[in-house]
Amino acid sequence: MATKKEFDVFTHELVPEHRVLSKEEKEELLKKYRIRISQLPQIKASDPAVIALGAEPGDVIEIKRKSPTAGYYYYYRLVVED
């Protein structure tokens, strides 16, 4: 019987860099953009990147993407229950 190999989603060239913000970083983000946590776009807890990071519902994920014009840009997602 073959065993199932784990796949690291972050090794794929199309998956941008992800990280979980600390509590302090999350509060600063909300203050900087003058928003409530409920106004952030959502990402499900079952997303492969969220699982790989070990993020929990209520955490905020920072995603760093490459841009041909801006260099890099960041966007944020709130982890929610499925």
PDB file of N, CA and C in Angstrom:
ATOM      1  N   MET A   1       0.846  -1.182   0.000  1.00  0.00           N
ATOM      2  CA  MET A   1       0.000   0.000   0.000  1.00  0.00           C
ATOM      3  C   MET A   1       0.889   1.243   0.000  1.00  0.00           C
ATOM      4  N   ALA A   2       0.648   2.141  -0.925  1.00  0.00           N
ATOM      5  CA  ALA A   2       1.456   3.352  -1.049  1.00  0.00           C
ATOM      6  C   ALA A   2       1.032   4.382  -0.011  1.00  0.00           C
ATOM      7  N   THR A   3       2.022   5.126   0.493  1.00  0.00           N
ATOM      8  CA  THR A   3       1.707   6.192   1.441  1.00  0.00           C
ATOM      9  C   THR A   3       1.545   7.495   0.684  1.00  0.00           C
ATOM     10  N   LYS A   4       0.718   8.348   1.206  1.00  0.00           N
ATOM     11  CA  LYS A   4       0.448   9.642   0.584  1.00  0.00           C
ATOM     12  C   LYS A   4       1.558  10.620   0.959  1.00  0.00           C
ATOM     13  N   LYS A   5       2.185  11.247  -0.053  1.00  0.00           N
ATOM     14  CA  LYS A   5       3.234  12.223   0.198  1.00  0.00           C
ATOM     15  C   LYS A   5       2.622  13.590   0.445  1.00  0.00           C
ATOM     16  N   GLU A   6       3.214  14.299   1.374  1.00  0.00           N
ATOM     17  CA  GLU A   6       2.786  15.668   1.640  1.00  0.00           C
ATOM     18  C   GLU A   6       3.360  16.575   0.562  1.00  0.00           C
ATOM     19  N   PHE A   7       2.597  17.585   0.162  1.00  0.00           N
ATOM     20  CA  PHE A   7       3.047  18.542  -0.835  1.00  0.00           C
ATOM     21  C   PHE A   7       3.106  19.919  -0.195  1.00  0.00           C
ATOM     22  N   ASP A   8       4.244  20.579  -0.289  1.00  0.00           N
ATOM     23  CA  ASP A   8       4.399  21.924   0.255  1.00  0.00           C
ATOM     24  C   ASP A   8       3.932  22.926  -0.796  1.00  0.00           C
ATOM     25  N   VAL A   9       2.776  23.546  -0.566  1.00  0.00           N
ATOM     26  CA  VAL A   9       2.194  24.465  -1.551  1.00  0.00           C
ATOM     27  C   VAL A   9       3.101  25.660  -1.830  1.00  0.00           C
ATOM     28  N   PHE A  10       3.949  26.017  -0.880  1.00  0.00           N
ATOM     29  CA  PHE A  10       4.790  27.209  -1.042  1.00  0.00           C
ATOM     30  C   PHE A  10       5.991  26.985  -1.957  1.00  0.00           C
ATOM     31  N   THR A  11       6.220  25.743  -2.368  1.00  0.00           N
ATOM     32  CA  THR A  11       7.306  25.489  -3.312  1.00  0.00           C
ATOM     33  C   THR A  11       6.863  25.700  -4.755  1.00  0.00           C
ATOM     34  N   HIS A  12       5.571  25.852  -4.978  1.00  0.00           N
ATOM     35  CA  HIS A  12       5.070  26.052  -6.338  1.00  0.00           C
ATOM     36  C   HIS A  12       5.301  27.495  -6.765  1.00  0.00           C
ATOM     37  N   GLU A  13       5.727  27.686  -7.995  1.00  0.00           N
ATOM     38  CA  GLU A  13       6.086  29.021  -8.481  1.00  0.00           C
ATOM     39  C   GLU A  13       4.914  29.990  -8.551  1.00  0.00           C
ATOM     40  N   LEU A  14       3.690  29.505  -8.618  1.00  0.00           N
ATOM     41  CA  LEU A  14       2.530  30.389  -8.706  1.00  0.00           C
ATOM     42  C   LEU A  14       1.940  30.767  -7.352  1.00  0.00           C
ATOM     43  N   VAL A  15       2.435  30.167  -6.293  1.00  0.00           N
ATOM     44  CA  VAL A  15       1.913  30.469  -4.952  1.00  0.00           C
ATOM     45  C   VAL A  15       2.776  31.562  -4.329  1.00  0.00           C
ATOM     46  N   PRO A  16       2.170  32.724  -4.033  1.00  0.00           N
ATOM     47  CA  PRO A  16       2.947  33.809  -3.441  1.00  0.00           C
ATOM     48  C   PRO A  16       3.295  33.533  -1.980  1.00  0.00           C
ATOM     49  N   GLU A  17       4.175  34.356  -1.442  1.00  0.00           N
ATOM     50  CA  GLU A  17       4.600  34.226  -0.046  1.00  0.00           C
ATOM     51  C   GLU A  17       3.439  34.603   0.885  1.00  0.00           C
ATOM     52  N   HIS A  18       3.204  33.775   1.895  1.00  0.00           N
ATOM     53  CA  HIS A  18       2.152  33.997   2.900  1.00  0.00           C
ATOM     54  C   HIS A  18       2.804  34.026   4.278  1.00  0.00           C
ATOM     55  N   ARG A  19       2.203  34.778   5.195  1.00  0.00           N
ATOM     56  CA  ARG A  19       2.613  34.715   6.597  1.00  0.00           C
ATOM     57  C   ARG A  19       1.460  35.182   7.475  1.00  0.00           C
ATOM     58  N   VAL A  20       1.454  34.693   8.713  1.00  0.00           N
ATOM     59  CA  VAL A  20       0.428  35.068   9.690  1.00  0.00           C
ATOM     60  C   VAL A  20       0.920  36.299  10.430  1.00  0.00           C
ATOM     61  N   LEU A  21       0.062  37.311  10.522  1.00  0.00           N
ATOM     62  CA  LEU A  21       0.417  38.525  11.265  1.00  0.00           C
ATOM     63  C   LEU A  21       0.303  38.278  12.767  1.00  0.00           C
ATOM     64  N   SER A  22       1.180  38.911  13.529  1.00  0.00           N
ATOM     65  CA  SER A  22       1.076  38.851  14.987  1.00  0.00           C
ATOM     66  C   SER A  22      -0.123  39.694  15.425  1.00  0.00           C
ATOM     67  N   LYS A  23      -0.501  39.553  16.675  1.00  0.00           N
ATOM     68  CA  LYS A  23      -1.628  40.321  17.214  1.00  0.00           C
ATOM     69  C   LYS A  23      -1.365  41.823  17.077  1.00  0.00           C
ATOM     70  N   GLU A  24      -0.140  42.243  17.359  1.00  0.00           N
ATOM     71  CA  GLU A  24       0.219  43.658  17.268  1.00  0.00           C
ATOM     72  C   GLU A  24       0.165  44.147  15.816  1.00  0.00           C
ATOM     73  N   GLU A  25       0.679  43.328  14.896  1.00  0.00           N
ATOM     74  CA  GLU A  25       0.648  43.701  13.479  1.00  0.00           C
ATOM     75  C   GLU A  25      -0.788  43.797  12.966  1.00  0.00           C
ATOM     76  N   LYS A  26      -1.636  42.888  13.426  1.00  0.00           N
ATOM     77  CA  LYS A  26      -3.041  42.898  13.021  1.00  0.00           C
ATOM     78  C   LYS A  26      -3.727  44.184  13.495  1.00  0.00           C
ATOM     79  N   GLU A  27      -3.491  44.562  14.749  1.00  0.00           N
ATOM     80  CA  GLU A  27      -4.087  45.790  15.286  1.00  0.00           C
ATOM     81  C   GLU A  27      -3.588  47.018  14.530  1.00  0.00           C
ATOM     82  N   GLU A  28      -2.288  47.035  14.199  1.00  0.00           N
ATOM     83  CA  GLU A  28      -1.722  48.159  13.461  1.00  0.00           C
ATOM     84  C   GLU A  28      -2.295  48.251  12.042  1.00  0.00           C
ATOM     85  N   LEU A  29      -2.495  47.104  11.408  1.00  0.00           N
ATOM     86  CA  LEU A  29      -3.084  47.071  10.063  1.00  0.00           C
ATOM     87  C   LEU A  29      -4.483  47.677  10.073  1.00  0.00           C
ATOM     88  N   LEU A  30      -5.299  47.262  11.035  1.00  0.00           N
ATOM     89  CA  LEU A  30      -6.664  47.775  11.131  1.00  0.00           C
ATOM     90  C   LEU A  30      -6.670  49.272  11.409  1.00  0.00           C
ATOM     91  N   LYS A  31      -5.755  49.719  12.252  1.00  0.00           N
ATOM     92  CA  LYS A  31      -5.642  51.137  12.579  1.00  0.00           C
ATOM     93  C   LYS A  31      -5.163  51.942  11.361  1.00  0.00           C
ATOM     94  N   LYS A  32      -4.169  51.417  10.656  1.00  0.00           N
ATOM     95  CA  LYS A  32      -3.596  52.103   9.493  1.00  0.00           C
ATOM     96  C   LYS A  32      -4.648  52.361   8.415  1.00  0.00           C
ATOM     97  N   TYR A  33      -5.459  51.341   8.128  1.00  0.00           N
ATOM     98  CA  TYR A  33      -6.456  51.467   7.064  1.00  0.00           C
ATOM     99  C   TYR A  33      -7.833  51.881   7.581  1.00  0.00           C
ATOM    100  N   ARG A  34      -7.938  52.089   8.885  1.00  0.00           N
ATOM    101  CA  ARG A  34      -9.190  52.525   9.519  1.00  0.00           C
ATOM    102  C   ARG A  34     -10.351  51.617   9.135  1.00  0.00           C
ATOM    103  N   ILE A  35     -10.138  50.324   9.363  1.00  0.00           N
ATOM    104  CA  ILE A  35     -11.154  49.329   9.036  1.00  0.00           C
ATOM    105  C   ILE A  35     -11.410  48.420  10.234  1.00  0.00           C
ATOM    106  N   ARG A  36     -12.526  47.718  10.167  1.00  0.00           N
ATOM    107  CA  ARG A  36     -12.831  46.683  11.150  1.00  0.00           C
ATOM    108  C   ARG A  36     -12.369  45.350  10.573  1.00  0.00           C
ATOM    109  N   ILE A  37     -12.109  44.399  11.424  1.00  0.00           N
ATOM    110  CA  ILE A  37     -11.628  43.094  10.975  1.00  0.00           C
ATOM    111  C   ILE A  37     -12.614  42.437  10.007  1.00  0.00           C
ATOM    112  N   SER A  38     -13.893  42.680  10.191  1.00  0.00           N
ATOM    113  CA  SER A  38     -14.923  42.092   9.330  1.00  0.00           C
ATOM    114  C   SER A  38     -14.882  42.661   7.908  1.00  0.00           C
ATOM    115  N   GLN A  39     -14.169  43.757   7.696  1.00  0.00           N
ATOM    116  CA  GLN A  39     -14.084  44.356   6.371  1.00  0.00           C
ATOM    117  C   GLN A  39     -12.968  43.762   5.510  1.00  0.00           C
ATOM    118  N   LEU A  40     -12.139  42.907   6.108  1.00  0.00           N
ATOM    119  CA  LEU A  40     -11.076  42.262   5.337  1.00  0.00           C
ATOM    120  C   LEU A  40     -11.660  41.159   4.460  1.00  0.00           C
ATOM    121  N   PRO A  41     -11.084  40.939   3.282  1.00  0.00           N
ATOM    122  CA  PRO A  41     -11.492  39.778   2.485  1.00  0.00           C
ATOM    123  C   PRO A  41     -11.193  38.508   3.279  1.00  0.00           C
ATOM    124  N   GLN A  42     -11.917  37.455   2.997  1.00  0.00           N
ATOM    125  CA  GLN A  42     -11.799  36.232   3.782  1.00  0.00           C
ATOM    126  C   GLN A  42     -11.079  35.123   3.023  1.00  0.00           C
ATOM    127  N   ILE A  43     -10.490  34.218   3.789  1.00  0.00           N
ATOM    128  CA  ILE A  43      -9.893  32.998   3.254  1.00  0.00           C
ATOM    129  C   ILE A  43     -10.311  31.870   4.193  1.00  0.00           C
ATOM    130  N   LYS A  44     -10.744  30.767   3.632  1.00  0.00           N
ATOM    131  CA  LYS A  44     -11.248  29.665   4.455  1.00  0.00           C
ATOM    132  C   LYS A  44     -10.113  28.940   5.173  1.00  0.00           C
ATOM    133  N   ALA A  45     -10.433  28.429   6.339  1.00  0.00           N
ATOM    134  CA  ALA A  45      -9.461  27.680   7.138  1.00  0.00           C
ATOM    135  C   ALA A  45      -9.026  26.400   6.435  1.00  0.00           C
ATOM    136  N   SER A  46      -9.802  25.941   5.466  1.00  0.00           N
ATOM    137  CA  SER A  46      -9.460  24.723   4.722  1.00  0.00           C
ATOM    138  C   SER A  46      -8.553  24.994   3.522  1.00  0.00           C
ATOM    139  N   ASP A  47      -8.216  26.251   3.264  1.00  0.00           N
ATOM    140  CA  ASP A  47      -7.314  26.576   2.151  1.00  0.00           C
ATOM    141  C   ASP A  47      -5.961  25.915   2.412  1.00  0.00           C
ATOM    142  N   PRO A  48      -5.356  25.287   1.406  1.00  0.00           N
ATOM    143  CA  PRO A  48      -4.080  24.602   1.607  1.00  0.00           C
ATOM    144  C   PRO A  48      -2.976  25.488   2.193  1.00  0.00           C
ATOM    145  N   ALA A  49      -2.916  26.745   1.793  1.00  0.00           N
ATOM    146  CA  ALA A  49      -1.899  27.650   2.331  1.00  0.00           C
ATOM    147  C   ALA A  49      -2.145  27.935   3.809  1.00  0.00           C
ATOM    148  N   VAL A  50      -3.401  28.087   4.194  1.00  0.00           N
ATOM    149  CA  VAL A  50      -3.756  28.349   5.594  1.00  0.00           C
ATOM    150  C   VAL A  50      -3.389  27.138   6.445  1.00  0.00           C
ATOM    151  N   ILE A  51      -3.688  25.951   5.949  1.00  0.00           N
ATOM    152  CA  ILE A  51      -3.353  24.726   6.674  1.00  0.00           C
ATOM    153  C   ILE A  51      -1.838  24.609   6.834  1.00  0.00           C
ATOM    154  N   ALA A  52      -1.100  24.878   5.755  1.00  0.00           N
ATOM    155  CA  ALA A  52       0.365  24.778   5.801  1.00  0.00           C
ATOM    156  C   ALA A  52       0.972  25.759   6.800  1.00  0.00           C
ATOM    157  N   LEU A  53       0.350  26.931   6.951  1.00  0.00           N
ATOM    158  CA  LEU A  53       0.842  27.930   7.904  1.00  0.00           C
ATOM    159  C   LEU A  53       0.437  27.610   9.335  1.00  0.00           C
ATOM    160  N   GLY A  54      -0.587  26.800   9.495  1.00  0.00           N
ATOM    161  CA  GLY A  54      -1.099  26.503  10.831  1.00  0.00           C
ATOM    162  C   GLY A  54      -1.951  27.634  11.371  1.00  0.00           C
ATOM    163  N   ALA A  55      -2.530  28.435  10.479  1.00  0.00           N
ATOM    164  CA  ALA A  55      -3.359  29.573  10.899  1.00  0.00           C
ATOM    165  C   ALA A  55      -4.720  29.087  11.390  1.00  0.00           C
ATOM    166  N   GLU A  56      -5.300  29.847  12.280  1.00  0.00           N
ATOM    167  CA  GLU A  56      -6.594  29.539  12.883  1.00  0.00           C
ATOM    168  C   GLU A  56      -7.603  30.619  12.500  1.00  0.00           C
ATOM    169  N   PRO A  57      -8.912  30.313  12.562  1.00  0.00           N
ATOM    170  CA  PRO A  57      -9.914  31.345  12.320  1.00  0.00           C
ATOM    171  C   PRO A  57      -9.678  32.555  13.235  1.00  0.00           C
ATOM    172  N   GLY A  58      -9.759  33.735  12.649  1.00  0.00           N
ATOM    173  CA  GLY A  58      -9.490  34.972  13.382  1.00  0.00           C
ATOM    174  C   GLY A  58      -8.103  35.528  13.085  1.00  0.00           C
ATOM    175  N   ASP A  59      -7.197  34.684  12.565  1.00  0.00           N
ATOM    176  CA  ASP A  59      -5.870  35.153  12.180  1.00  0.00           C
ATOM    177  C   ASP A  59      -5.960  35.950  10.881  1.00  0.00           C
ATOM    178  N   VAL A  60      -4.994  36.824  10.663  1.00  0.00           N
ATOM    179  CA  VAL A  60      -4.900  37.579   9.420  1.00  0.00           C
ATOM    180  C   VAL A  60      -3.639  37.119   8.702  1.00  0.00           C
ATOM    181  N   ILE A  61      -3.805  36.798   7.422  1.00  0.00           N
ATOM    182  CA  ILE A  61      -2.708  36.341   6.581  1.00  0.00           C
ATOM    183  C   ILE A  61      -2.263  37.496   5.691  1.00  0.00           C
ATOM    184  N   GLU A  62      -0.952  37.732   5.639  1.00  0.00           N
ATOM    185  CA  GLU A  62      -0.384  38.712   4.717  1.00  0.00           C
ATOM    186  C   GLU A  62       0.160  37.947   3.511  1.00  0.00           C
ATOM    187  N   ILE A  63      -0.226  38.364   2.319  1.00  0.00           N
ATOM    188  CA  ILE A  63       0.211  37.707   1.092  1.00  0.00           C
ATOM    189  C   ILE A  63       1.016  38.715   0.279  1.00  0.00           C
ATOM    190  N   LYS A  64       2.244  38.324  -0.073  1.00  0.00           N
ATOM    191  CA  LYS A  64       3.168  39.192  -0.802  1.00  0.00           C
ATOM    192  C   LYS A  64       3.243  38.716  -2.243  1.00  0.00           C
ATOM    193  N   ARG A  65       2.832  39.570  -3.172  1.00  0.00           N
ATOM    194  CA  ARG A  65       2.825  39.211  -4.581  1.00  0.00           C
ATOM    195  C   ARG A  65       3.770  40.098  -5.373  1.00  0.00           C
ATOM    196  N   LYS A  66       4.324  39.538  -6.429  1.00  0.00           N
ATOM    197  CA  LYS A  66       5.156  40.315  -7.340  1.00  0.00           C
ATOM    198  C   LYS A  66       4.265  41.067  -8.310  1.00  0.00           C
ATOM    199  N   SER A  67       4.710  42.269  -8.685  1.00  0.00           N
ATOM    200  CA  SER A  67       3.988  43.081  -9.651  1.00  0.00           C
ATOM    201  C   SER A  67       4.980  43.624 -10.669  1.00  0.00           C
ATOM    202  N   PRO A  68       4.655  43.566 -11.945  1.00  0.00           N
ATOM    203  CA  PRO A  68       5.584  44.092 -12.945  1.00  0.00           C
ATOM    204  C   PRO A  68       5.772  45.608 -12.845  1.00  0.00           C
ATOM    205  N   THR A  69       4.807  46.308 -12.271  1.00  0.00           N
ATOM    206  CA  THR A  69       4.907  47.765 -12.170  1.00  0.00           C
ATOM    207  C   THR A  69       5.268  48.261 -10.772  1.00  0.00           C
ATOM    208  N   ALA A  70       4.766  47.598  -9.745  1.00  0.00           N
ATOM    209  CA  ALA A  70       4.969  48.082  -8.375  1.00  0.00           C
ATOM    210  C   ALA A  70       6.087  47.352  -7.637  1.00  0.00           C
ATOM    211  N   GLY A  71       6.670  46.342  -8.240  1.00  0.00           N
ATOM    212  CA  GLY A  71       7.674  45.542  -7.539  1.00  0.00           C
ATOM    213  C   GLY A  71       6.987  44.457  -6.734  1.00  0.00           C
ATOM    214  N   TYR A  72       6.563  44.800  -5.531  1.00  0.00           N
ATOM    215  CA  TYR A  72       5.792  43.890  -4.688  1.00  0.00           C
ATOM    216  C   TYR A  72       4.600  44.646  -4.126  1.00  0.00           C
ATOM    217  N   TYR A  73       3.538  43.938  -3.876  1.00  0.00           N
ATOM    218  CA  TYR A  73       2.413  44.514  -3.151  1.00  0.00           C
ATOM    219  C   TYR A  73       1.873  43.471  -2.185  1.00  0.00           C
ATOM    220  N   TYR A  74       1.213  43.956  -1.162  1.00  0.00           N
ATOM    221  CA  TYR A  74       0.719  43.097  -0.090  1.00  0.00           C
ATOM    222  C   TYR A  74      -0.800  43.178  -0.040  1.00  0.00           C
ATOM    223  N   TYR A  75      -1.403  42.056   0.257  1.00  0.00           N
ATOM    224  CA  TYR A  75      -2.816  42.094   0.569  1.00  0.00           C
ATOM    225  C   TYR A  75      -3.073  41.155   1.730  1.00  0.00           C
ATOM    226  N   TYR A  76      -4.227  41.302   2.340  1.00  0.00           N
ATOM    227  CA  TYR A  76      -4.514  40.666   3.619  1.00  0.00           C
ATOM    228  C   TYR A  76      -5.833  39.921   3.546  1.00  0.00           C
ATOM    229  N   ARG A  77      -5.885  38.782   4.227  1.00  0.00           N
ATOM    230  CA  ARG A  77      -7.075  37.962   4.285  1.00  0.00           C
ATOM    231  C   ARG A  77      -7.323  37.529   5.727  1.00  0.00           C
ATOM    232  N   LEU A  78      -8.582  37.529   6.118  1.00  0.00           N
ATOM    233  CA  LEU A  78      -9.015  37.053   7.424  1.00  0.00           C
ATOM    234  C   LEU A  78      -9.352  35.580   7.317  1.00  0.00           C
ATOM    235  N   VAL A  79      -8.767  34.753   8.159  1.00  0.00           N
ATOM    236  CA  VAL A  79      -9.069  33.326   8.159  1.00  0.00           C
ATOM    237  C   VAL A  79     -10.415  33.111   8.849  1.00  0.00           C
ATOM    238  N   VAL A  80     -11.308  32.395   8.138  1.00  0.00           N
ATOM    239  CA  VAL A  80     -12.662  32.130   8.664  1.00  0.00           C
ATOM    240  C   VAL A  80     -12.934  30.635   8.644  1.00  0.00           C
ATOM    241  N   GLU A  81     -13.911  30.209   9.440  1.00  0.00           N
ATOM    242  CA  GLU A  81     -14.355  28.800   9.464  1.00  0.00           C
ATOM    243  C   GLU A  81     -14.921  28.451   8.094  1.00  0.00           C
ATOM    244  N   ASP A  82     -14.912  27.182   7.787  1.00  0.00           N
ATOM    245  CA  ASP A  82     -15.501  26.722   6.509  1.00  0.00           C
ATOM    246  C   ASP A  82     -17.003  26.831   6.524  1.00  0.00           C
TER     247      ASP A  82
END
